[in-house]
Amino acid sequence: MLYSFEDFSLDTARRELRRGGALIAIQPQVFDLLEYAIRNRQRVVSKDDLLAAVWNGRIVSESTLSTRINAARSAIGDSGEEQRLLRTAHGKGIRFVGAVREGKRRSASSRRSSPPMSPATAG
């Protein structure tokens, strides 16, 4: 799945975050946290939700969780003060609040296999 927001794209198949086409290097847990928050953007995701989804239920410290949330914000040009895209619901969890467009990434092979339209069939 390809999630697009502002000038970012998050490609879950390739596990890539890009801004304007440039690859942004992020840790795997930061990618997973961001993907989970975007996929569940219709609701606030709790600490327990994140622990189950990103850490497979392992116990991690509050500072580890905060560090990963801050890294996710930093990767998408957000901050804890601004919270333009990733908002904290104090005592509840976090929610991705940016406008997201969903799409499927077309593979290079599917683009090559489609013949170009001739002027006669272009309609």
PDB file of N, CA and C in Angstrom:
ATOM      1  N   MET A   1       0.853  -1.177   0.000  1.00  0.00           N
ATOM      2  CA  MET A   1       0.000   0.000   0.000  1.00  0.00           C
ATOM      3  C   MET A   1       0.896   1.236   0.000  1.00  0.00           C
ATOM      4  N   LEU A   2       0.432   2.238  -0.677  1.00  0.00           N
ATOM      5  CA  LEU A   2       1.147   3.511  -0.734  1.00  0.00           C
ATOM      6  C   LEU A   2       0.269   4.570  -0.071  1.00  0.00           C
ATOM      7  N   TYR A   3       0.764   5.153   0.998  1.00  0.00           N
ATOM      8  CA  TYR A   3       0.075   6.241   1.695  1.00  0.00           C
ATOM      9  C   TYR A   3       0.802   7.534   1.345  1.00  0.00           C
ATOM     10  N   SER A   4       0.057   8.526   0.880  1.00  0.00           N
ATOM     11  CA  SER A   4       0.638   9.828   0.547  1.00  0.00           C
ATOM     12  C   SER A   4       0.006  10.890   1.429  1.00  0.00           C
ATOM     13  N   PHE A   5       0.850  11.776   1.972  1.00  0.00           N
ATOM     14  CA  PHE A   5       0.377  12.882   2.799  1.00  0.00           C
ATOM     15  C   PHE A   5       1.391  14.008   2.662  1.00  0.00           C
ATOM     16  N   GLU A   6       0.867  15.235   2.582  1.00  0.00           N
ATOM     17  CA  GLU A   6       1.696  16.396   2.285  1.00  0.00           C
ATOM     18  C   GLU A   6       2.611  16.029   1.117  1.00  0.00           C
ATOM     19  N   ASP A   7       3.933  16.186   1.241  1.00  0.00           N
ATOM     20  CA  ASP A   7       4.809  15.774   0.136  1.00  0.00           C
ATOM     21  C   ASP A   7       5.558  14.486   0.477  1.00  0.00           C
ATOM     22  N   PHE A   8       4.980  13.675   1.360  1.00  0.00           N
ATOM     23  CA  PHE A   8       5.554  12.399   1.776  1.00  0.00           C
ATOM     24  C   PHE A   8       4.807  11.234   1.143  1.00  0.00           C
ATOM     25  N   SER A   9       5.506  10.113   1.017  1.00  0.00           N
ATOM     26  CA  SER A   9       4.858   8.854   0.645  1.00  0.00           C
ATOM     27  C   SER A   9       5.465   7.746   1.494  1.00  0.00           C
ATOM     28  N   LEU A  10       4.588   6.883   2.005  1.00  0.00           N
ATOM     29  CA  LEU A  10       4.995   5.738   2.808  1.00  0.00           C
ATOM     30  C   LEU A  10       4.589   4.497   2.032  1.00  0.00           C
ATOM     31  N   ASP A  11       5.576   3.764   1.562  1.00  0.00           N
ATOM     32  CA  ASP A  11       5.356   2.569   0.738  1.00  0.00           C
ATOM     33  C   ASP A  11       5.551   1.345   1.627  1.00  0.00           C
ATOM     34  N   THR A  12       4.440   0.665   1.961  1.00  0.00           N
ATOM     35  CA  THR A  12       4.531  -0.462   2.888  1.00  0.00           C
ATOM     36  C   THR A  12       5.176  -1.685   2.248  1.00  0.00           C
ATOM     37  N   ALA A  13       5.033  -1.863   0.942  1.00  0.00           N
ATOM     38  CA  ALA A  13       5.639  -3.014   0.262  1.00  0.00           C
ATOM     39  C   ALA A  13       7.162  -2.890   0.247  1.00  0.00           C
ATOM     40  N   ARG A  14       7.652  -1.694  -0.013  1.00  0.00           N
ATOM     41  CA  ARG A  14       9.101  -1.461  -0.049  1.00  0.00           C
ATOM     42  C   ARG A  14       9.664  -1.048   1.304  1.00  0.00           C
ATOM     43  N   ARG A  15       8.758  -0.750   2.252  1.00  0.00           N
ATOM     44  CA  ARG A  15       9.150  -0.255   3.577  1.00  0.00           C
ATOM     45  C   ARG A  15      10.021   0.989   3.444  1.00  0.00           C
ATOM     46  N   GLU A  16       9.509   1.944   2.663  1.00  0.00           N
ATOM     47  CA  GLU A  16      10.232   3.191   2.407  1.00  0.00           C
ATOM     48  C   GLU A  16       9.367   4.394   2.742  1.00  0.00           C
ATOM     49  N   LEU A  17      10.010   5.392   3.317  1.00  0.00           N
ATOM     50  CA  LEU A  17       9.412   6.703   3.512  1.00  0.00           C
ATOM     51  C   LEU A  17      10.165   7.657   2.609  1.00  0.00           C
ATOM     52  N   ARG A  18       9.426   8.407   1.806  1.00  0.00           N
ATOM     53  CA  ARG A  18      10.042   9.375   0.901  1.00  0.00           C
ATOM     54  C   ARG A  18       9.394  10.738   1.076  1.00  0.00           C
ATOM     55  N   ARG A  19      10.212  11.758   0.841  1.00  0.00           N
ATOM     56  CA  ARG A  19       9.710  13.139   0.823  1.00  0.00           C
ATOM     57  C   ARG A  19      10.116  13.732  -0.508  1.00  0.00           C
ATOM     58  N   GLY A  20       9.132  14.051  -1.327  1.00  0.00           N
ATOM     59  CA  GLY A  20       9.416  14.597  -2.644  1.00  0.00           C
ATOM     60  C   GLY A  20      10.308  13.680  -3.473  1.00  0.00           C
ATOM     61  N   GLY A  21      10.194  12.381  -3.294  1.00  0.00           N
ATOM     62  CA  GLY A  21      10.993  11.424  -4.042  1.00  0.00           C
ATOM     63  C   GLY A  21      12.296  11.030  -3.374  1.00  0.00           C
ATOM     64  N   ALA A  22      12.749  11.810  -2.376  1.00  0.00           N
ATOM     65  CA  ALA A  22      14.011  11.495  -1.685  1.00  0.00           C
ATOM     66  C   ALA A  22      13.744  10.527  -0.536  1.00  0.00           C
ATOM     67  N   LEU A  23      14.527   9.467  -0.480  1.00  0.00           N
ATOM     68  CA  LEU A  23      14.389   8.452   0.558  1.00  0.00           C
ATOM     69  C   LEU A  23      14.816   9.013   1.911  1.00  0.00           C
ATOM     70  N   ILE A  24      13.989   8.752   2.936  1.00  0.00           N
ATOM     71  CA  ILE A  24      14.300   9.163   4.300  1.00  0.00           C
ATOM     72  C   ILE A  24      14.631   7.901   5.080  1.00  0.00           C
ATOM     73  N   ALA A  25      15.819   7.843   5.647  1.00  0.00           N
ATOM     74  CA  ALA A  25      16.244   6.674   6.423  1.00  0.00           C
ATOM     75  C   ALA A  25      15.600   6.719   7.806  1.00  0.00           C
ATOM     76  N   ILE A  26      14.849   5.655   8.136  1.00  0.00           N
ATOM     77  CA  ILE A  26      14.266   5.547   9.472  1.00  0.00           C
ATOM     78  C   ILE A  26      14.437   4.110   9.973  1.00  0.00           C
ATOM     79  N   GLN A  27      14.459   3.967  11.278  1.00  0.00           N
ATOM     80  CA  GLN A  27      14.584   2.650  11.890  1.00  0.00           C
ATOM     81  C   GLN A  27      13.312   1.831  11.631  1.00  0.00           C
ATOM     82  N   PRO A  28      13.438   0.502  11.587  1.00  0.00           N
ATOM     83  CA  PRO A  28      12.270  -0.350  11.335  1.00  0.00           C
ATOM     84  C   PRO A  28      11.111  -0.115  12.307  1.00  0.00           C
ATOM     85  N   GLN A  29      11.394   0.077  13.595  1.00  0.00           N
ATOM     86  CA  GLN A  29      10.312   0.318  14.553  1.00  0.00           C
ATOM     87  C   GLN A  29       9.630   1.661  14.318  1.00  0.00           C
ATOM     88  N   VAL A  30      10.382   2.650  13.871  1.00  0.00           N
ATOM     89  CA  VAL A  30       9.804   3.955  13.562  1.00  0.00           C
ATOM     90  C   VAL A  30       8.890   3.830  12.346  1.00  0.00           C
ATOM     91  N   PHE A  31       9.330   3.072  11.330  1.00  0.00           N
ATOM     92  CA  PHE A  31       8.492   2.829  10.161  1.00  0.00           C
ATOM     93  C   PHE A  31       7.195   2.133  10.588  1.00  0.00           C
ATOM     94  N   ASP A  32       7.318   1.084  11.400  1.00  0.00           N
ATOM     95  CA  ASP A  32       6.142   0.323  11.841  1.00  0.00           C
ATOM     96  C   ASP A  32       5.184   1.193  12.644  1.00  0.00           C
ATOM     97  N   LEU A  33       5.719   2.045  13.510  1.00  0.00           N
ATOM     98  CA  LEU A  33       4.888   2.940  14.305  1.00  0.00           C
ATOM     99  C   LEU A  33       4.135   3.912  13.401  1.00  0.00           C
ATOM    100  N   LEU A  34       4.835   4.494  12.452  1.00  0.00           N
ATOM    101  CA  LEU A  34       4.214   5.435  11.529  1.00  0.00           C
ATOM    102  C   LEU A  34       3.152   4.752  10.673  1.00  0.00           C
ATOM    103  N   GLU A  35       3.473   3.577  10.158  1.00  0.00           N
ATOM    104  CA  GLU A  35       2.499   2.835   9.355  1.00  0.00           C
ATOM    105  C   GLU A  35       1.253   2.502  10.178  1.00  0.00           C
ATOM    106  N   TYR A  36       1.443   2.030  11.403  1.00  0.00           N
ATOM    107  CA  TYR A  36       0.311   1.674  12.253  1.00  0.00           C
ATOM    108  C   TYR A  36      -0.562   2.895  12.535  1.00  0.00           C
ATOM    109  N   ALA A  37       0.070   4.018  12.854  1.00  0.00           N
ATOM    110  CA  ALA A  37      -0.691   5.237  13.142  1.00  0.00           C
ATOM    111  C   ALA A  37      -1.469   5.702  11.914  1.00  0.00           C
ATOM    112  N   ILE A  38      -0.872   5.611  10.731  1.00  0.00           N
ATOM    113  CA  ILE A  38      -1.557   6.029   9.499  1.00  0.00           C
ATOM    114  C   ILE A  38      -2.708   5.080   9.175  1.00  0.00           C
ATOM    115  N   ARG A  39      -2.458   3.776   9.270  1.00  0.00           N
ATOM    116  CA  ARG A  39      -3.517   2.797   8.976  1.00  0.00           C
ATOM    117  C   ARG A  39      -4.707   2.942   9.917  1.00  0.00           C
ATOM    118  N   ASN A  40      -4.457   3.364  11.145  1.00  0.00           N
ATOM    119  CA  ASN A  40      -5.499   3.500  12.157  1.00  0.00           C
ATOM    120  C   ASN A  40      -5.818   4.959  12.455  1.00  0.00           C
ATOM    121  N   ARG A  41      -5.667   5.822  11.457  1.00  0.00           N
ATOM    122  CA  ARG A  41      -5.801   7.264  11.665  1.00  0.00           C
ATOM    123  C   ARG A  41      -7.201   7.706  12.060  1.00  0.00           C
ATOM    124  N   GLN A  42      -8.194   6.848  11.910  1.00  0.00           N
ATOM    125  CA  GLN A  42      -9.565   7.210  12.284  1.00  0.00           C
ATOM    126  C   GLN A  42      -9.768   7.201  13.800  1.00  0.00           C
ATOM    127  N   ARG A  43      -8.730   6.748  14.537  1.00  0.00           N
ATOM    128  CA  ARG A  43      -8.868   6.671  15.993  1.00  0.00           C
ATOM    129  C   ARG A  43      -7.533   6.964  16.676  1.00  0.00           C
ATOM    130  N   VAL A  44      -7.601   7.190  17.968  1.00  0.00           N
ATOM    131  CA  VAL A  44      -6.395   7.316  18.792  1.00  0.00           C
ATOM    132  C   VAL A  44      -5.879   5.902  19.056  1.00  0.00           C
ATOM    133  N   VAL A  45      -4.586   5.688  18.807  1.00  0.00           N
ATOM    134  CA  VAL A  45      -3.987   4.386  19.119  1.00  0.00           C
ATOM    135  C   VAL A  45      -3.285   4.496  20.467  1.00  0.00           C
ATOM    136  N   SER A  46      -3.565   3.534  21.321  1.00  0.00           N
ATOM    137  CA  SER A  46      -3.027   3.558  22.683  1.00  0.00           C
ATOM    138  C   SER A  46      -1.610   3.006  22.729  1.00  0.00           C
ATOM    139  N   LYS A  47      -0.979   3.204  23.860  1.00  0.00           N
ATOM    140  CA  LYS A  47       0.352   2.639  24.101  1.00  0.00           C
ATOM    141  C   LYS A  47       0.286   1.116  23.943  1.00  0.00           C
ATOM    142  N   ASP A  48      -0.754   0.501  24.480  1.00  0.00           N
ATOM    143  CA  ASP A  48      -0.907  -0.955  24.368  1.00  0.00           C
ATOM    144  C   ASP A  48      -1.056  -1.391  22.916  1.00  0.00           C
ATOM    145  N   ASP A  49      -1.792  -0.604  22.107  1.00  0.00           N
ATOM    146  CA  ASP A  49      -1.920  -0.899  20.672  1.00  0.00           C
ATOM    147  C   ASP A  49      -0.547  -0.892  20.007  1.00  0.00           C
ATOM    148  N   LEU A  50       0.243   0.147  20.312  1.00  0.00           N
ATOM    149  CA  LEU A  50       1.568   0.275  19.712  1.00  0.00           C
ATOM    150  C   LEU A  50       2.498  -0.849  20.159  1.00  0.00           C
ATOM    151  N   LEU A  51       2.449  -1.180  21.442  1.00  0.00           N
ATOM    152  CA  LEU A  51       3.295  -2.262  21.951  1.00  0.00           C
ATOM    153  C   LEU A  51       2.953  -3.580  21.266  1.00  0.00           C
ATOM    154  N   ALA A  52       1.680  -3.843  21.067  1.00  0.00           N
ATOM    155  CA  ALA A  52       1.266  -5.084  20.406  1.00  0.00           C
ATOM    156  C   ALA A  52       1.670  -5.090  18.939  1.00  0.00           C
ATOM    157  N   ALA A  53       1.484  -3.967  18.256  1.00  0.00           N
ATOM    158  CA  ALA A  53       1.728  -3.912  16.811  1.00  0.00           C
ATOM    159  C   ALA A  53       3.206  -3.775  16.457  1.00  0.00           C
ATOM    160  N   VAL A  54       3.923  -2.943  17.171  1.00  0.00           N
ATOM    161  CA  VAL A  54       5.304  -2.617  16.809  1.00  0.00           C
ATOM    162  C   VAL A  54       6.317  -3.496  17.543  1.00  0.00           C
ATOM    163  N   TRP A  55       6.028  -3.793  18.785  1.00  0.00           N
ATOM    164  CA  TRP A  55       6.976  -4.572  19.594  1.00  0.00           C
ATOM    165  C   TRP A  55       6.470  -5.993  19.881  1.00  0.00           C
ATOM    166  N   ASN A  56       5.426  -6.407  19.195  1.00  0.00           N
ATOM    167  CA  ASN A  56       4.859  -7.761  19.382  1.00  0.00           C
ATOM    168  C   ASN A  56       4.575  -8.084  20.845  1.00  0.00           C
ATOM    169  N   GLY A  57       4.080  -7.091  21.585  1.00  0.00           N
ATOM    170  CA  GLY A  57       3.690  -7.299  22.971  1.00  0.00           C
ATOM    171  C   GLY A  57       4.819  -7.262  23.984  1.00  0.00           C
ATOM    172  N   ARG A  58       6.068  -7.081  23.508  1.00  0.00           N
ATOM    173  CA  ARG A  58       7.193  -6.995  24.458  1.00  0.00           C
ATOM    174  C   ARG A  58       7.052  -5.743  25.313  1.00  0.00           C
ATOM    175  N   ILE A  59       7.533  -5.838  26.516  1.00  0.00           N
ATOM    176  CA  ILE A  59       7.532  -4.686  27.418  1.00  0.00           C
ATOM    177  C   ILE A  59       8.687  -3.766  27.027  1.00  0.00           C
ATOM    178  N   VAL A  60       8.377  -2.508  26.787  1.00  0.00           N
ATOM    179  CA  VAL A  60       9.420  -1.510  26.521  1.00  0.00           C
ATOM    180  C   VAL A  60       9.167  -0.310  27.423  1.00  0.00           C
ATOM    181  N   SER A  61      10.200   0.441  27.673  1.00  0.00           N
ATOM    182  CA  SER A  61      10.078   1.583  28.581  1.00  0.00           C
ATOM    183  C   SER A  61       9.327   2.732  27.913  1.00  0.00           C
ATOM    184  N   GLU A  62       8.808   3.608  28.760  1.00  0.00           N
ATOM    185  CA  GLU A  62       8.141   4.825  28.273  1.00  0.00           C
ATOM    186  C   GLU A  62       9.112   5.654  27.434  1.00  0.00           C
ATOM    187  N   SER A  63      10.378   5.697  27.852  1.00  0.00           N
ATOM    188  CA  SER A  63      11.351   6.508  27.113  1.00  0.00           C
ATOM    189  C   SER A  63      11.599   5.920  25.725  1.00  0.00           C
ATOM    190  N   THR A  64      11.604   4.593  25.593  1.00  0.00           N
ATOM    191  CA  THR A  64      11.768   3.969  24.269  1.00  0.00           C
ATOM    192  C   THR A  64      10.598   4.341  23.374  1.00  0.00           C
ATOM    193  N   LEU A  65       9.393   4.236  23.900  1.00  0.00           N
ATOM    194  CA  LEU A  65       8.200   4.585  23.132  1.00  0.00           C
ATOM    195  C   LEU A  65       8.231   6.061  22.726  1.00  0.00           C
ATOM    196  N   SER A  66       8.562   6.932  23.668  1.00  0.00           N
ATOM    197  CA  SER A  66       8.637   8.373  23.379  1.00  0.00           C
ATOM    198  C   SER A  66       9.703   8.677  22.332  1.00  0.00           C
ATOM    199  N   THR A  67      10.840   7.993  22.438  1.00  0.00           N
ATOM    200  CA  THR A  67      11.924   8.195  21.471  1.00  0.00           C
ATOM    201  C   THR A  67      11.474   7.826  20.064  1.00  0.00           C
ATOM    202  N   ARG A  68      10.770   6.712  19.917  1.00  0.00           N
ATOM    203  CA  ARG A  68      10.293   6.277  18.594  1.00  0.00           C
ATOM    204  C   ARG A  68       9.222   7.223  18.048  1.00  0.00           C
ATOM    205  N   ILE A  69       8.331   7.688  18.909  1.00  0.00           N
ATOM    206  CA  ILE A  69       7.305   8.656  18.470  1.00  0.00           C
ATOM    207  C   ILE A  69       7.979   9.944  18.011  1.00  0.00           C
ATOM    208  N   ASN A  70       8.952  10.427  18.775  1.00  0.00           N
ATOM    209  CA  ASN A  70       9.682  11.642  18.392  1.00  0.00           C
ATOM    210  C   ASN A  70      10.445  11.445  17.089  1.00  0.00           C
ATOM    211  N   ALA A  71      11.028  10.254  16.896  1.00  0.00           N
ATOM    212  CA  ALA A  71      11.741   9.966  15.644  1.00  0.00           C
ATOM    213  C   ALA A  71      10.775   9.937  14.464  1.00  0.00           C
ATOM    214  N   ALA A  72       9.576   9.395  14.675  1.00  0.00           N
ATOM    215  CA  ALA A  72       8.560   9.385  13.611  1.00  0.00           C
ATOM    216  C   ALA A  72       8.161  10.817  13.268  1.00  0.00           C
ATOM    217  N   ARG A  73       7.938  11.635  14.277  1.00  0.00           N
ATOM    218  CA  ARG A  73       7.590  13.044  14.034  1.00  0.00           C
ATOM    219  C   ARG A  73       8.697  13.754  13.270  1.00  0.00           C
ATOM    220  N   SER A  74       9.914  13.542  13.696  1.00  0.00           N
ATOM    221  CA  SER A  74      11.057  14.178  13.049  1.00  0.00           C
ATOM    222  C   SER A  74      11.158  13.759  11.577  1.00  0.00           C
ATOM    223  N   ALA A  75      10.939  12.486  11.299  1.00  0.00           N
ATOM    224  CA  ALA A  75      11.047  11.976   9.932  1.00  0.00           C
ATOM    225  C   ALA A  75      10.025  12.617   8.991  1.00  0.00           C
ATOM    226  N   ILE A  76       8.864  13.012   9.541  1.00  0.00           N
ATOM    227  CA  ILE A  76       7.817  13.618   8.709  1.00  0.00           C
ATOM    228  C   ILE A  76       7.730  15.133   8.908  1.00  0.00           C
ATOM    229  N   GLY A  77       8.798  15.703   9.455  1.00  0.00           N
ATOM    230  CA  GLY A  77       8.870  17.156   9.588  1.00  0.00           C
ATOM    231  C   GLY A  77       7.918  17.727  10.620  1.00  0.00           C
ATOM    232  N   ASP A  78       7.570  16.928  11.616  1.00  0.00           N
ATOM    233  CA  ASP A  78       6.651  17.352  12.666  1.00  0.00           C
ATOM    234  C   ASP A  78       7.435  17.501  13.965  1.00  0.00           C
ATOM    235  N   SER A  79       6.786  17.988  14.985  1.00  0.00           N
ATOM    236  CA  SER A  79       7.441  18.106  16.293  1.00  0.00           C
ATOM    237  C   SER A  79       6.406  17.889  17.379  1.00  0.00           C
ATOM    238  N   GLY A  80       6.898  17.662  18.596  1.00  0.00           N
ATOM    239  CA  GLY A  80       6.005  17.501  19.734  1.00  0.00           C
ATOM    240  C   GLY A  80       5.251  18.770  20.059  1.00  0.00           C
ATOM    241  N   GLU A  81       5.840  19.915  19.722  1.00  0.00           N
ATOM    242  CA  GLU A  81       5.163  21.192  19.970  1.00  0.00           C
ATOM    243  C   GLU A  81       4.085  21.443  18.911  1.00  0.00           C
ATOM    244  N   GLU A  82       4.442  21.237  17.655  1.00  0.00           N
ATOM    245  CA  GLU A  82       3.504  21.539  16.567  1.00  0.00           C
ATOM    246  C   GLU A  82       2.412  20.478  16.429  1.00  0.00           C
ATOM    247  N   GLN A  83       2.786  19.206  16.403  1.00  0.00           N
ATOM    248  CA  GLN A  83       1.857  18.081  16.260  1.00  0.00           C
ATOM    249  C   GLN A  83       0.898  18.268  15.084  1.00  0.00           C
ATOM    250  N   ARG A  84       1.463  18.661  13.958  1.00  0.00           N
ATOM    251  CA  ARG A  84       0.700  18.916  12.738  1.00  0.00           C
ATOM    252  C   ARG A  84       0.154  17.632  12.121  1.00  0.00           C
ATOM    253  N   LEU A  85       0.930  16.547  12.203  1.00  0.00           N
ATOM    254  CA  LEU A  85       0.532  15.277  11.597  1.00  0.00           C
ATOM    255  C   LEU A  85       0.300  14.175  12.629  1.00  0.00           C
ATOM    256  N   LEU A  86       1.129  14.111  13.633  1.00  0.00           N
ATOM    257  CA  LEU A  86       1.054  13.065  14.645  1.00  0.00           C
ATOM    258  C   LEU A  86       0.762  13.728  15.985  1.00  0.00           C
ATOM    259  N   ARG A  87      -0.482  13.613  16.413  1.00  0.00           N
ATOM    260  CA  ARG A  87      -0.949  14.338  17.591  1.00  0.00           C
ATOM    261  C   ARG A  87      -1.029  13.419  18.807  1.00  0.00           C
ATOM    262  N   THR A  88      -0.631  13.939  19.957  1.00  0.00           N
ATOM    263  CA  THR A  88      -0.744  13.210  21.216  1.00  0.00           C
ATOM    264  C   THR A  88      -2.081  13.527  21.857  1.00  0.00           C
ATOM    265  N   ALA A  89      -2.804  12.477  22.247  1.00  0.00           N
ATOM    266  CA  ALA A  89      -4.015  12.620  23.053  1.00  0.00           C
ATOM    267  C   ALA A  89      -3.586  12.233  24.471  1.00  0.00           C
ATOM    268  N   HIS A  90      -3.308  13.223  25.300  1.00  0.00           N
ATOM    269  CA  HIS A  90      -2.702  12.992  26.619  1.00  0.00           C
ATOM    270  C   HIS A  90      -3.501  11.974  27.421  1.00  0.00           C
ATOM    271  N   GLY A  91      -2.773  10.979  27.913  1.00  0.00           N
ATOM    272  CA  GLY A  91      -3.385   9.923  28.698  1.00  0.00           C
ATOM    273  C   GLY A  91      -4.078   8.859  27.859  1.00  0.00           C
ATOM    274  N   LYS A  92      -4.135   9.048  26.543  1.00  0.00           N
ATOM    275  CA  LYS A  92      -4.840   8.116  25.665  1.00  0.00           C
ATOM    276  C   LYS A  92      -3.916   7.437  24.659  1.00  0.00           C
ATOM    277  N   GLY A  93      -3.076   8.223  23.964  1.00  0.00           N
ATOM    278  CA  GLY A  93      -2.202   7.670  22.937  1.00  0.00           C
ATOM    279  C   GLY A  93      -1.873   8.710  21.882  1.00  0.00           C
ATOM    280  N   ILE A  94      -1.739   8.262  20.640  1.00  0.00           N
ATOM    281  CA  ILE A  94      -1.425   9.170  19.529  1.00  0.00           C
ATOM    282  C   ILE A  94      -2.411   8.934  18.387  1.00  0.00           C
ATOM    283  N   ARG A  95      -2.511   9.934  17.532  1.00  0.00           N
ATOM    284  CA  ARG A  95      -3.360   9.810  16.350  1.00  0.00           C
ATOM    285  C   ARG A  95      -2.722  10.559  15.191  1.00  0.00           C
ATOM    286  N   PHE A  96      -2.697   9.898  14.013  1.00  0.00           N
ATOM    287  CA  PHE A  96      -2.235  10.568  12.799  1.00  0.00           C
ATOM    288  C   PHE A  96      -3.400  11.399  12.283  1.00  0.00           C
ATOM    289  N   VAL A  97      -3.210  12.712  12.159  1.00  0.00           N
ATOM    290  CA  VAL A  97      -4.316  13.608  11.811  1.00  0.00           C
ATOM    291  C   VAL A  97      -4.161  14.254  10.433  1.00  0.00           C
ATOM    292  N   GLY A  98      -3.086  13.935   9.718  1.00  0.00           N
ATOM    293  CA  GLY A  98      -2.888  14.507   8.396  1.00  0.00           C
ATOM    294  C   GLY A  98      -3.839  13.899   7.362  1.00  0.00           C
ATOM    295  N   ALA A  99      -4.088  14.641   6.296  1.00  0.00           N
ATOM    296  CA  ALA A  99      -4.899  14.130   5.180  1.00  0.00           C
ATOM    297  C   ALA A  99      -4.065  13.111   4.404  1.00  0.00           C
ATOM    298  N   VAL A 100      -4.606  11.910   4.217  1.00  0.00           N
ATOM    299  CA  VAL A 100      -3.884  10.807   3.586  1.00  0.00           C
ATOM    300  C   VAL A 100      -4.615  10.347   2.338  1.00  0.00           C
ATOM    301  N   ARG A 101      -3.830  10.117   1.284  1.00  0.00           N
ATOM    302  CA  ARG A 101      -4.357   9.490   0.060  1.00  0.00           C
ATOM    303  C   ARG A 101      -3.785   8.088   0.001  1.00  0.00           C
ATOM    304  N   GLU A 102      -4.646   7.115  -0.243  1.00  0.00           N
ATOM    305  CA  GLU A 102      -4.198   5.724  -0.334  1.00  0.00           C
ATOM    306  C   GLU A 102      -4.172   5.296  -1.791  1.00  0.00           C
ATOM    307  N   GLY A 103      -3.209   4.474  -2.130  1.00  0.00           N
ATOM    308  CA  GLY A 103      -3.129   3.943  -3.487  1.00  0.00           C
ATOM    309  C   GLY A 103      -2.247   2.716  -3.501  1.00  0.00           C
ATOM    310  N   LYS A 104      -2.296   2.029  -4.602  1.00  0.00           N
ATOM    311  CA  LYS A 104      -1.408   0.885  -4.795  1.00  0.00           C
ATOM    312  C   LYS A 104      -0.305   1.331  -5.722  1.00  0.00           C
ATOM    313  N   ARG A 105       0.912   1.004  -5.346  1.00  0.00           N
ATOM    314  CA  ARG A 105       2.068   1.373  -6.163  1.00  0.00           C
ATOM    315  C   ARG A 105       2.099   0.467  -7.374  1.00  0.00           C
ATOM    316  N   ARG A 106       2.200   1.049  -8.558  1.00  0.00           N
ATOM    317  CA  ARG A 106       2.317   0.254  -9.784  1.00  0.00           C
ATOM    318  C   ARG A 106       3.758  -0.187  -9.932  1.00  0.00           C
ATOM    319  N   SER A 107       3.932  -1.460 -10.199  1.00  0.00           N
ATOM    320  CA  SER A 107       5.288  -1.970 -10.388  1.00  0.00           C
ATOM    321  C   SER A 107       5.807  -1.555 -11.754  1.00  0.00           C
ATOM    322  N   ALA A 108       7.122  -1.560 -11.905  1.00  0.00           N
ATOM    323  CA  ALA A 108       7.738  -1.199 -13.182  1.00  0.00           C
ATOM    324  C   ALA A 108       7.311  -2.173 -14.270  1.00  0.00           C
ATOM    325  N   SER A 109       7.146  -3.450 -13.926  1.00  0.00           N
ATOM    326  CA  SER A 109       6.757  -4.436 -14.943  1.00  0.00           C
ATOM    327  C   SER A 109       5.340  -4.191 -15.429  1.00  0.00           C
ATOM    328  N   SER A 110       4.426  -3.754 -14.568  1.00  0.00           N
ATOM    329  CA  SER A 110       3.057  -3.501 -15.026  1.00  0.00           C
ATOM    330  C   SER A 110       3.005  -2.266 -15.909  1.00  0.00           C
ATOM    331  N   ARG A 111       3.878  -1.288 -15.660  1.00  0.00           N
ATOM    332  CA  ARG A 111       3.915  -0.110 -16.526  1.00  0.00           C
ATOM    333  C   ARG A 111       4.474  -0.465 -17.893  1.00  0.00           C
ATOM    334  N   ARG A 112       5.465  -1.347 -17.928  1.00  0.00           N
ATOM    335  CA  ARG A 112       6.064  -1.736 -19.206  1.00  0.00           C
ATOM    336  C   ARG A 112       5.130  -2.611 -20.026  1.00  0.00           C
ATOM    337  N   SER A 113       4.277  -3.410 -19.349  1.00  0.00           N
ATOM    338  CA  SER A 113       3.429  -4.341 -20.083  1.00  0.00           C
ATOM    339  C   SER A 113       2.221  -3.668 -20.711  1.00  0.00           C
ATOM    340  N   SER A 114       1.902  -2.455 -20.322  1.00  0.00           N
ATOM    341  CA  SER A 114       0.771  -1.743 -20.916  1.00  0.00           C
ATOM    342  C   SER A 114       1.222  -1.052 -22.187  1.00  0.00           C
ATOM    343  N   PRO A 115       0.621  -1.416 -23.329  1.00  0.00           N
ATOM    344  CA  PRO A 115       1.029  -0.766 -24.570  1.00  0.00           C
ATOM    345  C   PRO A 115       0.560   0.686 -24.592  1.00  0.00           C
ATOM    346  N   PRO A 116       1.348   1.548 -25.207  1.00  0.00           N
ATOM    347  CA  PRO A 116       0.910   2.948 -25.292  1.00  0.00           C
ATOM    348  C   PRO A 116      -0.332   3.047 -26.172  1.00  0.00           C
ATOM    349  N   MET A 117      -1.179   4.032 -25.840  1.00  0.00           N
ATOM    350  CA  MET A 117      -2.392   4.217 -26.635  1.00  0.00           C
ATOM    351  C   MET A 117      -2.035   4.929 -27.931  1.00  0.00           C
ATOM    352  N   SER A 118      -2.571   4.446 -29.007  1.00  0.00           N
ATOM    353  CA  SER A 118      -2.364   5.118 -30.290  1.00  0.00           C
ATOM    354  C   SER A 118      -3.371   6.247 -30.398  1.00  0.00           C
ATOM    355  N   PRO A 119      -3.104   7.240 -31.233  1.00  0.00           N
ATOM    356  CA  PRO A 119      -4.024   8.355 -31.385  1.00  0.00           C
ATOM    357  C   PRO A 119      -5.427   7.884 -31.782  1.00  0.00           C
ATOM    358  N   ALA A 120      -5.520   6.792 -32.524  1.00  0.00           N
ATOM    359  CA  ALA A 120      -6.815   6.291 -32.979  1.00  0.00           C
ATOM    360  C   ALA A 120      -7.641   5.737 -31.836  1.00  0.00           C
ATOM    361  N   THR A 121      -7.001   5.191 -30.781  1.00  0.00           N
ATOM    362  CA  THR A 121      -7.743   4.613 -29.668  1.00  0.00           C
ATOM    363  C   THR A 121      -7.816   5.542 -28.472  1.00  0.00           C
ATOM    364  N   ALA A 122      -7.180   6.682 -28.542  1.00  0.00           N
ATOM    365  CA  ALA A 122      -7.117   7.595 -27.416  1.00  0.00           C
ATOM    366  C   ALA A 122      -8.456   8.283 -27.144  1.00  0.00           C
ATOM    367  N   GLY A 123      -9.411   8.168 -28.045  1.00  0.00           N
ATOM    368  CA  GLY A 123     -10.754   8.562 -27.766  1.00  0.00           C
ATOM    369  C   GLY A 123     -11.145   9.926 -27.989  1.00  0.00           C
TER     370      GLY A 123
END
